[in-house]
Amino acid sequence: MSDEDYCTIAEAARPPKADGPPYADCVLCREPTEYPESYKGITLCPVCEWEEAQRTACSG
């Protein structure tokens, strides 16, 4: 098994980007996201999205 196989994470389904306001709130920090308010599901702002990616990244 190569390192690439071990560290590959399936890409999670992402909500569609909004064309403009109103934006959905981040489920972690309540800041506006890039996603439409009408989207039903988990939405993260760019900062929380990046932090979650860092937290779940393969460390080695």
C-alpha atoms as a PDB file:
ATOM      1  CA  MET A   1       0.000   0.000   0.000  1.00  0.00           C
ATOM      2  CA  SER A   2       1.471   3.355  -0.984  1.00  0.00           C
ATOM      3  CA  ASP A   3       1.285   6.512   1.155  1.00  0.00           C
ATOM      4  CA  GLU A   4      -1.085   7.990  -1.414  1.00  0.00           C
ATOM      5  CA  ASP A   5      -3.558   5.112  -0.947  1.00  0.00           C
ATOM      6  CA  TYR A   6      -3.320   5.418   2.823  1.00  0.00           C
ATOM      7  CA  CYS A   7      -3.917   9.182   2.931  1.00  0.00           C
ATOM      8  CA  THR A   8      -6.615   9.454   0.296  1.00  0.00           C
ATOM      9  CA  ILE A   9      -9.819  10.839   1.739  1.00  0.00           C
ATOM     10  CA  ALA A  10     -13.040  10.710  -0.231  1.00  0.00           C
ATOM     11  CA  GLU A  11     -14.142  14.180  -1.236  1.00  0.00           C
ATOM     12  CA  ALA A  12     -17.205  15.100   0.791  1.00  0.00           C
ATOM     13  CA  ALA A  13     -20.245  16.453  -0.992  1.00  0.00           C
ATOM     14  CA  ARG A  14     -20.173  20.240  -0.877  1.00  0.00           C
ATOM     15  CA  PRO A  15     -23.126  22.576  -1.078  1.00  0.00           C
ATOM     16  CA  PRO A  16     -23.379  24.808  -4.166  1.00  0.00           C
ATOM     17  CA  LYS A  17     -21.788  28.276  -3.926  1.00  0.00           C
ATOM     18  CA  ALA A  18     -24.266  31.137  -3.523  1.00  0.00           C
ATOM     19  CA  ASP A  19     -24.528  33.857  -6.159  1.00  0.00           C
ATOM     20  CA  GLY A  20     -25.139  36.452  -3.443  1.00  0.00           C
ATOM     21  CA  PRO A  21     -26.814  37.091  -0.093  1.00  0.00           C
ATOM     22  CA  PRO A  22     -28.444  35.710   1.954  1.00  0.00           C
ATOM     23  CA  TYR A  23     -25.701  33.320   3.020  1.00  0.00           C
ATOM     24  CA  ALA A  24     -25.992  30.346   5.374  1.00  0.00           C
ATOM     25  CA  ASP A  25     -24.331  30.641   8.789  1.00  0.00           C
ATOM     26  CA  CYS A  26     -21.353  28.459   9.693  1.00  0.00           C
ATOM     27  CA  VAL A  27     -22.473  25.651  12.009  1.00  0.00           C
ATOM     28  CA  LEU A  28     -19.358  26.132  14.182  1.00  0.00           C
ATOM     29  CA  CYS A  29     -18.793  29.876  14.528  1.00  0.00           C
ATOM     30  CA  ARG A  30     -22.042  31.365  13.104  1.00  0.00           C
ATOM     31  CA  GLU A  31     -20.138  33.567  10.599  1.00  0.00           C
ATOM     32  CA  PRO A  32     -21.548  33.843   7.032  1.00  0.00           C
ATOM     33  CA  THR A  33     -20.448  31.130   4.610  1.00  0.00           C
ATOM     34  CA  GLU A  34     -20.129  31.078   0.814  1.00  0.00           C
ATOM     35  CA  TYR A  35     -23.229  28.887   0.575  1.00  0.00           C
ATOM     36  CA  PRO A  36     -26.884  29.850   0.042  1.00  0.00           C
ATOM     37  CA  GLU A  37     -29.116  30.203   3.087  1.00  0.00           C
ATOM     38  CA  SER A  38     -31.580  27.816   1.449  1.00  0.00           C
ATOM     39  CA  TYR A  39     -29.075  24.905   1.566  1.00  0.00           C
ATOM     40  CA  LYS A  40     -30.158  22.199   4.005  1.00  0.00           C
ATOM     41  CA  GLY A  41     -27.146  20.572   5.622  1.00  0.00           C
ATOM     42  CA  ILE A  42     -23.834  21.327   7.299  1.00  0.00           C
ATOM     43  CA  THR A  43     -22.172  24.531   6.103  1.00  0.00           C
ATOM     44  CA  LEU A  44     -18.789  25.854   7.220  1.00  0.00           C
ATOM     45  CA  CYS A  45     -17.213  29.277   6.658  1.00  0.00           C
ATOM     46  CA  PRO A  46     -13.873  29.297   4.801  1.00  0.00           C
ATOM     47  CA  VAL A  47     -11.886  29.532   8.078  1.00  0.00           C
ATOM     48  CA  CYS A  48     -13.669  26.622   9.787  1.00  0.00           C
ATOM     49  CA  GLU A  49     -13.561  24.618   6.545  1.00  0.00           C
ATOM     50  CA  TRP A  50      -9.770  25.070   6.388  1.00  0.00           C
ATOM     51  CA  GLU A  51      -9.338  24.227  10.094  1.00  0.00           C
ATOM     52  CA  GLU A  52     -11.448  21.077   9.692  1.00  0.00           C
ATOM     53  CA  ALA A  53      -9.355  20.027   6.690  1.00  0.00           C
ATOM     54  CA  GLN A  54      -6.162  20.533   8.727  1.00  0.00           C
ATOM     55  CA  ARG A  55      -7.593  18.583  11.651  1.00  0.00           C
ATOM     56  CA  THR A  56      -8.563  15.597   9.514  1.00  0.00           C
ATOM     57  CA  ALA A  57      -5.523  15.615   7.197  1.00  0.00           C
ATOM     58  CA  CYS A  58      -3.191  12.641   7.138  1.00  0.00           C
ATOM     59  CA  SER A  59      -0.256  13.478   9.373  1.00  0.00           C
ATOM     60  CA  GLY A  60       1.986  10.839   8.319  1.00  0.00           C
END
